[in-house]
Protein backbone atom coordinates (compact mmCIF):
# COMPACT_ATOMS: atom_id res chain seq x y z
CA MET A 1 12.08 -27.90 65.84
CA LYS A 2 13.95 -25.46 63.55
CA LYS A 3 17.04 -27.68 63.74
CA ILE A 4 14.99 -30.75 62.77
CA ILE A 5 13.41 -28.95 59.78
CA LEU A 6 16.83 -27.66 58.65
CA ALA A 7 18.33 -31.14 58.91
CA PHE A 8 15.41 -32.58 56.94
CA LEU A 9 15.86 -29.99 54.19
CA LEU A 10 19.60 -30.62 54.01
CA ALA A 11 19.01 -34.37 53.77
CA ALA A 12 16.46 -33.84 51.00
CA MET A 13 18.97 -31.75 49.10
CA LEU A 14 21.56 -34.49 49.40
CA VAL A 15 19.33 -37.27 48.13
CA SER A 16 17.36 -35.33 45.51
CA PRO A 17 18.78 -35.66 42.00
CA ALA A 18 20.23 -32.46 40.59
CA ALA A 19 18.38 -30.89 37.69
CA ALA A 20 19.86 -31.78 34.33
CA GLN A 21 21.93 -29.17 32.60
CA THR A 22 20.13 -27.50 29.70
CA ILE A 23 22.11 -26.50 26.62
CA LEU A 24 20.86 -24.80 23.46
CA TYR A 25 22.83 -26.15 20.51
CA ILE A 26 23.03 -24.77 16.97
CA PRO A 27 25.24 -26.82 14.64
CA ALA A 28 27.13 -25.70 11.54
CA ASP A 29 24.70 -27.66 9.31
CA ASN A 30 22.39 -30.68 9.37
CA ARG A 31 24.97 -33.43 8.77
CA PRO A 32 24.90 -36.13 11.48
CA VAL A 33 28.46 -35.36 12.64
CA SER A 34 27.45 -31.73 13.12
CA PHE A 35 23.92 -32.22 14.39
CA SER A 36 22.31 -35.48 15.49
CA ASP A 37 25.48 -37.32 16.57
CA VAL A 38 26.43 -34.40 18.85
CA ALA A 39 22.93 -34.12 20.31
CA ASP A 40 22.76 -37.89 20.86
CA THR A 41 26.07 -37.77 22.76
CA ALA A 42 24.81 -35.02 25.05
CA ARG A 43 21.55 -36.86 25.74
CA ALA A 44 23.46 -40.08 26.47
CA ALA A 45 25.43 -38.09 29.07
CA GLY A 46 22.22 -36.92 30.76
CA VAL A 47 22.11 -33.39 29.34
CA ASP A 48 18.85 -31.74 28.30
CA ILE A 49 19.87 -30.44 24.88
CA LEU A 50 17.54 -28.25 22.83
CA VAL A 51 18.05 -27.87 19.09
CA PRO A 52 16.34 -25.68 16.48
CA PRO A 53 14.08 -27.09 13.76
CA GLU A 54 16.18 -28.92 11.19
CA SER A 55 14.45 -26.91 8.47
CA ALA A 56 16.33 -23.82 9.72
CA LEU A 57 19.72 -25.52 9.30
CA GLY A 58 21.77 -25.47 6.13
CA ASN A 59 22.66 -28.45 3.98
CA ARG A 60 24.97 -28.98 1.01
CA THR A 61 22.88 -27.11 -1.54
CA GLN A 62 20.73 -24.73 0.54
CA PRO A 63 21.86 -22.31 3.26
CA GLY A 64 20.05 -22.26 6.54
CA ALA A 65 17.99 -19.38 7.91
CA PRO A 66 20.20 -17.20 10.15
CA ASP A 67 17.42 -14.80 11.15
CA GLU A 68 15.14 -17.70 12.10
CA LEU A 69 17.96 -19.27 14.12
CA TRP A 70 18.57 -15.98 15.91
CA SER A 71 14.87 -15.67 16.75
CA TRP A 72 14.87 -19.20 18.14
CA LEU A 73 18.03 -18.56 20.16
CA LEU A 74 16.86 -15.24 21.63
CA GLU A 75 13.48 -16.76 22.50
CA HIS A 76 14.82 -19.84 24.24
CA GLY A 77 17.98 -18.36 25.77
CA PRO A 78 16.35 -17.85 29.20
CA GLU A 79 15.61 -21.61 29.40
CA ALA A 80 19.27 -22.63 29.18
CA ASP A 81 22.34 -22.83 31.37
CA ALA A 82 24.56 -22.49 28.31
CA ILE A 83 24.49 -22.14 24.55
CA VAL A 84 26.88 -23.84 22.12
CA VAL A 85 26.45 -22.30 18.70
CA SER A 86 28.02 -22.18 15.25
CA GLY A 87 28.90 -18.68 14.14
CA ASP A 88 28.83 -19.88 10.53
CA SER A 89 25.14 -20.83 10.89
CA LEU A 90 24.17 -17.64 12.70
CA LEU A 91 26.06 -15.36 10.30
CA TYR A 92 25.86 -17.04 6.87
CA GLY A 93 23.44 -19.96 7.18
CA SER A 94 25.88 -22.90 7.36
CA LEU A 95 29.48 -23.97 6.93
CA VAL A 96 29.07 -24.34 3.15
CA ALA A 97 27.22 -21.01 2.97
CA SER A 98 30.20 -19.31 4.66
CA ARG A 99 32.14 -20.09 1.43
CA THR A 100 29.41 -19.20 -1.07
CA HIS A 101 27.16 -16.46 0.40
CA HIS A 102 26.64 -12.92 -0.89
CA THR A 103 25.48 -11.41 2.40
CA PRO A 104 26.15 -7.65 2.69
CA GLN A 105 28.61 -6.53 5.34
CA ALA A 106 25.90 -4.44 7.05
CA VAL A 107 23.72 -7.52 7.57
CA LEU A 108 26.62 -9.47 9.00
CA GLN A 109 27.31 -6.63 11.45
CA GLU A 110 23.67 -6.71 12.59
CA ARG A 111 23.85 -10.46 13.16
CA LEU A 112 27.11 -10.10 15.08
CA ALA A 113 25.48 -7.46 17.28
CA ASN A 114 22.90 -10.05 18.32
CA PHE A 115 25.55 -11.71 20.48
CA ALA A 116 25.78 -8.55 22.57
CA ALA A 117 21.97 -8.46 22.83
CA LEU A 118 21.91 -12.10 23.88
CA ARG A 119 24.35 -11.37 26.69
CA GLU A 120 22.45 -8.24 27.76
CA HIS A 121 19.18 -10.14 28.12
CA ASN A 122 20.78 -13.24 29.70
CA PRO A 123 23.67 -12.06 31.91
CA ALA A 124 24.10 -15.46 33.61
CA LEU A 125 24.05 -17.49 30.39
CA ARG A 126 27.30 -19.23 29.43
CA ILE A 127 27.99 -18.42 25.76
CA TYR A 128 30.22 -20.78 23.75
CA ILE A 129 30.83 -20.03 20.06
CA TYR A 130 32.71 -21.89 17.37
CA ASN A 131 33.45 -20.39 13.99
CA THR A 132 35.79 -21.22 11.12
CA ILE A 133 38.59 -19.52 9.31
CA MET A 134 37.43 -19.97 5.73
CA ARG A 135 39.22 -22.90 4.15
CA THR A 136 41.62 -22.88 1.19
CA PRO A 137 41.35 -26.37 -0.31
CA GLN A 138 43.89 -27.52 -2.87
CA ALA A 139 40.92 -28.61 -5.00
CA SER A 140 37.17 -28.97 -4.56
CA ALA A 141 34.22 -30.67 -6.27
CA GLY A 142 30.56 -31.22 -5.51
CA GLY A 143 29.30 -27.66 -5.17
CA VAL A 144 30.67 -26.77 -1.72
CA GLU A 145 32.74 -23.83 -3.03
CA PRO A 146 31.92 -21.09 -5.59
CA PRO A 147 31.53 -22.66 -9.07
CA TYR A 148 34.80 -21.20 -10.37
CA TYR A 149 36.78 -23.02 -7.69
CA GLU A 150 36.42 -26.36 -9.45
CA THR A 151 38.33 -24.85 -12.38
CA TYR A 152 40.69 -22.40 -10.73
CA GLY A 153 40.93 -23.84 -7.21
CA PRO A 154 44.40 -25.42 -7.55
CA SER A 155 45.79 -22.16 -8.98
CA ILE A 156 44.10 -20.05 -6.27
CA PHE A 157 45.55 -22.35 -3.63
CA ARG A 158 49.03 -22.02 -5.13
CA LEU A 159 48.69 -18.24 -5.40
CA THR A 160 47.86 -17.88 -1.72
CA ALA A 161 50.54 -20.37 -0.67
CA LEU A 162 53.15 -18.18 -2.36
CA GLN A 163 51.65 -15.00 -0.87
CA ASP A 164 51.70 -16.60 2.58
CA LYS A 165 55.32 -17.69 2.14
CA GLN A 166 56.27 -14.22 0.89
CA GLU A 167 55.23 -12.77 4.24
CA LEU A 168 57.46 -15.25 6.07
CA GLN A 169 60.58 -15.41 3.92
CA PRO A 170 61.89 -14.25 0.52
CA LEU A 171 60.65 -16.20 -2.48
CA SER A 172 63.06 -17.78 -4.90
CA ARG A 173 63.26 -16.28 -8.39
CA ARG A 174 61.19 -19.16 -9.75
CA GLU A 175 58.55 -18.72 -7.04
CA ALA A 176 58.40 -14.96 -7.58
CA ALA A 177 57.91 -15.47 -11.32
CA GLU A 178 55.21 -18.09 -10.67
CA LEU A 179 53.38 -15.73 -8.31
CA LYS A 180 53.49 -12.88 -10.84
CA LYS A 181 52.11 -15.15 -13.56
CA LEU A 182 49.26 -16.40 -11.34
CA GLU A 183 48.31 -12.85 -10.38
CA ALA A 184 48.20 -11.91 -14.06
CA THR A 185 46.32 -14.94 -15.40
CA LEU A 186 43.72 -15.83 -12.77
CA PRO A 187 40.32 -14.21 -13.50
CA ALA A 188 40.12 -10.93 -11.61
CA GLU A 189 36.37 -11.34 -11.03
CA ALA A 190 36.83 -14.74 -9.37
CA LEU A 191 39.64 -13.51 -7.14
CA ALA A 192 37.65 -10.41 -6.16
CA ASP A 193 34.64 -12.53 -5.19
CA TRP A 194 36.75 -15.02 -3.24
CA PHE A 195 38.78 -12.43 -1.32
CA ASP A 196 35.70 -10.28 -0.59
CA ARG A 197 34.08 -13.21 1.16
CA ARG A 198 37.29 -14.00 3.04
CA ASN A 199 37.61 -10.40 4.19
CA LYS A 200 34.09 -10.53 5.61
CA ASN A 201 34.92 -13.78 7.39
CA TYR A 202 38.13 -12.30 8.80
CA ALA A 203 36.29 -9.22 10.08
CA ALA A 204 33.64 -11.40 11.75
CA ASN A 205 36.27 -13.54 13.47
CA ALA A 206 38.12 -10.44 14.67
CA ARG A 207 34.90 -9.06 16.14
CA LEU A 208 34.17 -12.35 17.92
CA ILE A 209 37.66 -12.20 19.42
CA GLY A 210 36.79 -8.69 20.60
CA TYR A 211 33.64 -10.03 22.26
CA VAL A 212 35.78 -12.49 24.21
CA ARG A 213 37.97 -9.62 25.45
CA GLU A 214 34.87 -7.67 26.49
CA GLY A 215 33.44 -10.62 28.42
CA LEU A 216 30.41 -10.99 26.15
CA VAL A 217 31.51 -14.48 25.06
CA ASP A 218 32.76 -17.08 27.54
CA TYR A 219 34.69 -19.24 25.08
CA LEU A 220 35.51 -19.06 21.38
CA ILE A 221 37.06 -21.63 19.05
CA LEU A 222 38.21 -20.63 15.58
CA GLY A 223 38.63 -23.80 13.53
CA ARG A 224 41.09 -23.91 10.65
CA ASP A 225 39.05 -25.85 8.11
CA ASP A 226 41.09 -28.01 5.67
CA CYS A 227 44.25 -25.98 6.22
CA SER A 228 47.78 -26.38 4.85
CA PRO A 229 51.15 -25.16 6.18
CA LEU A 230 51.21 -22.45 3.47
CA SER A 231 47.84 -21.06 2.31
CA GLN A 232 45.46 -18.13 2.70
CA SER A 233 43.87 -19.91 5.68
CA HIS A 234 47.27 -20.23 7.34
CA LYS A 235 48.03 -16.57 6.63
CA GLU A 236 44.73 -15.41 8.15
CA SER A 237 45.19 -17.63 11.20
CA ARG A 238 48.57 -16.01 11.83
CA HIS A 239 47.02 -12.55 11.68
CA LEU A 240 44.07 -13.55 13.87
CA SER A 241 46.48 -14.95 16.46
CA GLN A 242 47.82 -11.40 16.76
CA GLU A 243 44.27 -10.13 17.24
CA ALA A 244 43.86 -12.68 20.04
CA ALA A 245 47.23 -11.99 21.69
CA GLY A 246 46.94 -12.15 25.46
CA LEU A 247 43.67 -14.09 25.60
CA PRO A 248 44.04 -17.07 27.94
CA ALA A 249 43.55 -20.67 26.82
CA SER A 250 40.59 -20.75 29.21
CA ARG A 251 38.75 -18.32 26.89
CA TYR A 252 40.03 -18.86 23.33
CA ALA A 253 41.50 -21.52 21.04
CA SER A 254 42.30 -21.99 17.36
CA PHE A 255 43.31 -25.28 15.79
CA PRO A 256 42.77 -27.39 12.64
CA GLY A 257 39.36 -28.78 11.73
CA ALA A 258 35.73 -27.69 11.59
CA ASP A 259 33.26 -30.60 11.76
CA GLN A 260 34.35 -31.68 15.27
CA LEU A 261 34.04 -28.25 16.89
CA GLY A 262 30.44 -28.70 18.07
CA MET A 263 31.40 -31.88 19.92
CA VAL A 264 34.47 -30.29 21.49
CA LEU A 265 32.67 -27.18 22.68
CA LEU A 266 29.65 -29.09 23.95
CA THR A 267 32.03 -31.22 26.02
CA ARG A 268 33.61 -28.11 27.47
CA ALA A 269 30.21 -26.66 28.38
CA ILE A 270 29.31 -29.87 30.22
CA ASN A 271 32.67 -30.07 32.01
CA ASP A 272 32.42 -26.40 33.05
CA TYR A 273 28.92 -26.91 34.41
CA ASN A 274 30.01 -29.92 36.47
CA PHE A 275 33.31 -28.30 37.58
CA GLN A 276 35.22 -31.18 36.01
CA ILE A 277 38.72 -30.99 34.53
CA PRO A 278 39.47 -34.47 33.16
CA ILE A 279 43.13 -35.48 33.25
CA VAL A 280 44.16 -37.18 30.01
CA ARG A 281 47.35 -39.08 29.24
CA VAL A 282 48.25 -39.39 25.56
CA LEU A 283 49.74 -42.59 24.10
CA TYR A 284 51.02 -42.87 20.53
CA ALA A 285 51.59 -45.77 18.19
CA PRO A 286 55.31 -46.46 17.57
CA GLY A 287 56.93 -44.30 14.90
CA ALA A 288 56.35 -40.65 14.04
CA GLY A 289 53.66 -40.31 16.72
CA GLY A 290 52.93 -36.74 17.70
CA GLN A 291 55.29 -35.34 15.05
CA THR A 292 52.86 -36.47 12.34
CA ILE A 293 51.44 -33.55 10.33
CA PRO A 294 48.22 -35.06 8.97
CA THR A 295 46.74 -34.42 5.54
CA TYR A 296 44.50 -31.30 5.55
CA GLU A 297 46.31 -29.85 8.59
CA ASP A 298 49.18 -27.45 9.19
CA VAL A 299 50.90 -28.32 12.49
CA PRO A 300 52.29 -31.44 14.26
CA PHE A 301 49.51 -33.52 15.74
CA SER A 302 50.85 -33.35 19.30
CA GLN A 303 50.17 -29.60 19.22
CA THR A 304 46.65 -30.23 17.91
CA ILE A 305 45.96 -32.79 20.64
CA PHE A 306 46.93 -30.45 23.46
CA ALA A 307 44.77 -27.68 21.95
CA HIS A 308 41.75 -30.00 21.67
CA LEU A 309 42.12 -31.31 25.22
CA ALA A 310 42.29 -27.79 26.63
CA ALA A 311 39.33 -26.65 24.52
CA ALA A 312 37.23 -29.59 25.76
CA GLY A 313 37.96 -28.59 29.35
CA GLY A 314 40.62 -31.19 30.10
CA VAL A 315 44.33 -31.16 30.79
CA PRO A 316 47.07 -33.44 29.38
CA LEU A 317 49.36 -34.82 32.09
CA ALA A 318 51.93 -37.60 31.88
CA THR A 319 52.66 -37.92 35.59
CA ALA A 320 49.35 -38.08 37.44
CA LYS A 321 46.92 -41.00 37.22
CA PRO A 322 44.64 -39.98 34.36
CA ASP A 323 40.88 -40.07 34.11
CA LEU A 324 41.31 -41.18 30.50
CA TYR A 325 44.04 -42.60 28.30
CA LEU A 326 43.93 -41.20 24.76
CA ALA A 327 45.54 -43.78 22.47
CA VAL A 328 46.38 -42.27 19.08
CA ASN A 329 46.91 -44.57 16.10
CA THR A 330 49.39 -42.59 14.00
CA PRO A 331 51.04 -43.96 10.84
CA GLU A 332 54.51 -45.30 11.56
CA ASN A 333 56.09 -43.13 8.85
CA GLY A 334 54.05 -40.04 9.71
CA ILE A 335 52.25 -39.96 6.32
CA THR A 336 48.44 -40.10 6.50
CA ARG A 337 47.06 -41.50 3.26
CA GLU A 338 43.43 -41.87 2.23
CA ALA A 339 41.48 -44.78 3.71
CA ASN A 340 40.51 -46.01 0.23
CA THR A 341 44.14 -46.61 -0.71
CA PRO A 342 45.29 -50.21 -1.28
CA ALA A 343 47.68 -49.68 1.64
CA ASN A 344 44.72 -49.89 4.05
CA GLN A 345 45.03 -53.63 4.45
CA SER A 346 43.59 -55.95 7.11
CA ARG A 347 46.83 -57.47 8.44
CA PRO A 348 48.66 -55.54 11.17
CA GLY A 349 52.40 -54.88 11.20
CA LYS A 350 54.69 -54.98 14.23
CA ALA A 351 54.15 -51.33 15.15
CA LEU A 352 50.38 -51.68 15.08
CA LEU A 353 50.48 -54.89 17.12
CA ALA A 354 52.57 -53.05 19.72
CA PHE A 355 49.96 -50.27 19.78
CA VAL A 356 47.09 -52.74 20.33
CA ASP A 357 49.16 -54.49 23.03
CA MET A 358 49.45 -51.14 24.81
CA VAL A 359 45.70 -50.51 24.57
CA GLU A 360 44.92 -54.02 25.83
CA GLN A 361 47.30 -53.68 28.79
CA LYS A 362 45.61 -50.47 29.91
CA LEU A 363 42.16 -52.05 29.60
CA GLU A 364 43.25 -55.13 31.53
CA ALA A 365 44.51 -52.82 34.28
CA GLY A 366 41.03 -51.32 34.55
CA GLU A 367 41.91 -48.03 32.88
CA ARG A 368 39.58 -46.04 30.65
CA VAL A 369 40.86 -45.85 27.07
CA ALA A 370 39.70 -43.82 24.04
CA VAL A 371 41.16 -44.45 20.57
CA ALA A 372 41.75 -41.75 17.95
CA ASP A 373 42.45 -43.54 14.66
CA ILE A 374 44.27 -41.09 12.35
CA ALA A 375 46.52 -43.47 10.40
CA PHE A 376 44.35 -42.79 7.35
CA ALA A 377 42.22 -39.82 6.34
CA ASN A 378 38.51 -40.32 5.64
CA GLY A 379 38.18 -43.72 7.27
CA ALA A 380 39.39 -46.26 9.78
CA ASP A 381 42.57 -48.34 9.75
CA ASN A 382 41.33 -51.82 8.76
CA ALA A 383 44.28 -53.58 10.38
CA LEU A 384 43.71 -51.80 13.70
CA MET A 385 39.99 -52.51 13.75
CA ASN A 386 40.40 -56.17 12.83
CA GLU A 387 42.94 -56.66 15.61
CA LEU A 388 40.80 -54.86 18.20
CA ALA A 389 37.83 -57.00 17.15
CA ARG A 390 39.87 -60.21 17.20
CA ARG A 391 40.90 -59.53 20.79
CA GLY A 392 37.38 -58.52 21.88
CA LEU A 393 38.41 -54.97 22.73
CA LEU A 394 36.05 -52.88 20.59
CA TYR A 395 33.31 -52.36 23.17
CA ARG A 396 35.71 -52.14 26.09
CA LEU A 397 36.76 -48.72 24.79
CA GLU A 398 35.24 -45.51 26.12
CA SER A 399 35.16 -44.03 22.64
CA TYR A 400 36.53 -44.50 19.15
CA SER A 401 36.66 -42.37 16.03
CA GLY A 402 38.33 -42.65 12.64
CA TRP A 403 36.46 -40.41 10.15
CA ASN A 404 37.38 -37.53 7.84
CA THR A 405 40.36 -35.39 8.92
CA ALA A 406 42.61 -36.19 11.87
CA SER A 407 41.19 -33.33 13.94
CA ASN A 408 37.60 -34.38 13.15
CA THR A 409 38.49 -37.80 14.53
CA LEU A 410 40.28 -36.35 17.55
CA GLY A 411 37.46 -34.05 18.62
CA TYR A 412 34.92 -36.87 18.60
CA THR A 413 37.20 -39.28 20.44
CA ILE A 414 37.95 -36.75 23.17
CA GLY A 415 34.38 -35.54 23.55
CA GLN A 416 32.68 -38.92 23.73
CA GLY A 417 35.54 -40.33 25.83
CA MET A 418 35.31 -37.56 28.43
CA LEU A 419 31.53 -37.84 28.66
CA ALA A 420 31.35 -41.66 28.70
CA PRO A 421 31.41 -41.98 32.54
CA ALA A 422 28.01 -40.25 32.68
CA MET A 423 26.50 -42.73 30.19
CA SER A 424 24.90 -46.11 30.66
CA PRO A 425 26.87 -49.01 29.12
CA ARG A 426 24.18 -49.43 26.46
CA ALA A 427 24.23 -45.74 25.51
CA LYS A 428 28.03 -45.72 25.32
CA ASN A 429 28.02 -48.86 23.16
CA ASP A 430 25.39 -47.44 20.81
CA LEU A 431 27.65 -44.45 20.17
CA LEU A 432 30.55 -46.82 19.54
CA SER A 433 28.43 -48.85 17.10
CA VAL A 434 27.67 -45.73 15.06
CA ARG A 435 31.36 -44.94 14.74
CA PHE A 436 32.33 -48.55 13.93
CA LEU A 437 29.68 -48.83 11.23
CA ASP A 438 30.30 -45.37 9.79
CA ASP A 439 34.09 -44.94 10.05
CA TRP A 440 35.12 -48.55 9.59
CA ALA A 441 32.37 -50.40 7.73
CA TYR A 442 31.26 -47.60 5.40
CA GLN A 443 34.06 -45.08 5.02
CA SER A 444 36.93 -47.55 4.68
CA ASN A 445 35.19 -50.35 2.81
CA ILE A 446 31.54 -50.30 1.73
CA ARG A 447 31.64 -46.80 0.24
CA GLN A 448 34.24 -47.83 -2.35
CA GLU A 449 32.56 -51.18 -3.03
CA VAL A 450 29.10 -49.75 -3.64
CA ALA A 451 30.45 -46.92 -5.80
CA ALA A 452 32.49 -49.33 -7.96
CA GLN A 453 29.80 -52.01 -8.28
CA ILE A 454 26.59 -49.95 -8.53
CA LEU A 455 27.13 -46.21 -8.86
CA TYR A 456 29.75 -45.94 -11.60
CA PRO A 457 28.53 -48.81 -13.84
CA GLN A 458 25.18 -47.00 -14.07
CA GLY A 459 26.79 -43.65 -14.87
CA GLY A 460 26.03 -42.15 -11.48
CA SER A 461 27.73 -39.16 -9.88
CA TYR A 462 29.57 -39.45 -6.57
CA PHE A 463 28.28 -35.99 -5.59
CA ARG A 464 24.67 -36.32 -6.77
CA LEU A 465 22.97 -39.68 -6.24
CA ASP A 466 19.54 -38.60 -7.53
CA GLY A 467 17.73 -41.50 -9.27
CA LEU A 468 20.13 -44.09 -7.83
CA SER A 469 19.63 -42.94 -4.25
CA GLY A 470 17.08 -45.64 -3.33
CA GLN A 471 19.10 -48.50 -4.76
CA LEU A 472 22.33 -47.23 -3.20
CA THR A 473 20.65 -46.75 0.19
CA ASP A 474 19.17 -50.25 0.20
CA GLU A 475 22.44 -51.89 -0.83
CA THR A 476 24.54 -49.86 1.60
CA GLU A 477 22.18 -50.68 4.47
CA ARG A 478 22.24 -54.37 3.54
CA ARG A 479 26.02 -54.43 3.56
CA ILE A 480 26.30 -52.50 6.80
CA ARG A 481 23.82 -54.91 8.44
CA GLN A 482 25.91 -57.83 7.19
CA PHE A 483 29.06 -56.15 8.53
CA ALA A 484 27.42 -55.67 11.93
CA ASP A 485 26.29 -59.31 12.01
CA THR A 486 29.80 -60.63 11.30
CA ARG A 487 32.13 -58.07 12.90
CA LEU A 488 30.02 -56.78 15.81
CA ALA A 489 28.21 -60.02 16.60
CA ASP A 490 28.36 -59.65 20.41
CA HIS A 491 26.89 -56.14 20.27
CA ARG A 492 24.85 -56.33 17.10
CA PRO A 493 22.40 -53.37 16.98
CA GLY A 494 18.76 -54.33 17.51
CA SER A 495 17.71 -51.91 14.79
CA LEU A 496 19.73 -50.16 12.12
CA ARG A 497 18.87 -47.55 9.51
CA VAL A 498 21.10 -45.95 6.87
CA SER A 499 20.56 -42.86 4.70
CA PHE A 500 22.53 -40.39 2.58
CA PRO A 501 21.71 -37.02 4.19
CA TRP A 502 23.51 -34.87 1.59
CA ASN A 503 22.63 -36.93 -1.49
CA ARG A 504 26.27 -37.87 -2.06
CA MET A 505 28.50 -40.84 -1.33
CA PHE A 506 30.88 -39.00 0.97
CA GLU A 507 28.89 -39.54 4.18
CA VAL A 508 26.05 -41.65 5.51
CA LYS A 509 23.78 -41.33 8.51
CA VAL A 510 23.81 -44.52 10.60
CA GLU A 511 21.09 -44.85 13.24
CA VAL A 512 21.27 -47.76 15.71
CA LYS A 513 19.46 -48.98 18.79
């Protein structure tokens, strides 16, 4: 009888569905690419993902509520198998707040100590953190930096580029004279404010690295937000790499980008939970390929790809049969221009046709293919998308991305591509539709059209839509619907809604079913 009961129990265990993984997720802010798009991807993959109230998250003009987020996290930690959280939100309030806050060092230390308390009260909880090395943009507008940066930003960038270079090699006489002049003429109060905030950010990142060494944090990513080969961000990343010396790639990573980090780390948490290590084979478009150093980044893209794959829990291999082919649309000459440039035309050249041929051959062979479209920054390659659509390949892909920086694109492509096997075809296609309508329809085309035809003629601001918001929303939604009807006819969304979540033209929120 005991043997019969044991056999029955074993059979029940085999046929009973496993409980869904539960993840607590805190994004860097409330933008769709940080928040809802990541949560939707996890849910499509069968994960029970819990998120805090949106009112506690930061936006473009208001920081979030770090103490409220910590209360929520400490309260719900026992319910989860893992947490994936933004350090910028839990320390400063949001990604933008990390560049503009005036939080005392003592408060930041208290918030950092909460990670140790979280581990103490939840010893079995898997803790995944992503944080950013504060960016050093060449210029900035729209209120996402301290106000003085719009005036002095280019000079501050140049100052730090020369200081970074000075640590690596001797400056020329002209460069040394330029550095001395910048140090003498830039407002001391602005520089003091800017470097004080950076020093706090550096100290926080160093302490998080220490938590990884101590075993309090399972995995940490430090993103290099809008970085350049010579800059203060590059300088700090070099010094932090010394702080992290000896940490294995299975515990720590640092690479370009910020907005994709939630997607990458969520993917790793899911892969770890399921004991999966996806094998990925990388394919490049003809030309510069992996040697491309994209705009807003500081290293060759092949290096960035390997770092992203490892951070997401995968491994790049060229010999074994892969679980996923990652096809990367790089510019033939290695120069990534903006998607709104006249060069972003609809007719493909020979190199691009060869790239699409390669993608089609893999699909015809029954392989799974994800496309990372980095030929242009801040939008899709029109020629690529038209050719994929013409051949009926768009919805045969596992994932696609072509928005913002190259690393933003890459993280989304990898994450959604790795998780696609756990999704229903409809769920996978809905995620593809969002990317097609956002990255291709809006970012590369409709954004410029609506701004030129409606926003600017009425004296509107690109960074503050205000009284024109309703008209711009209606017209943008109408055009995106029309785009879906003509370009995505076979998979036209049943319902579609568009909004401007940060009251600016730079991004939209596209919701489809």
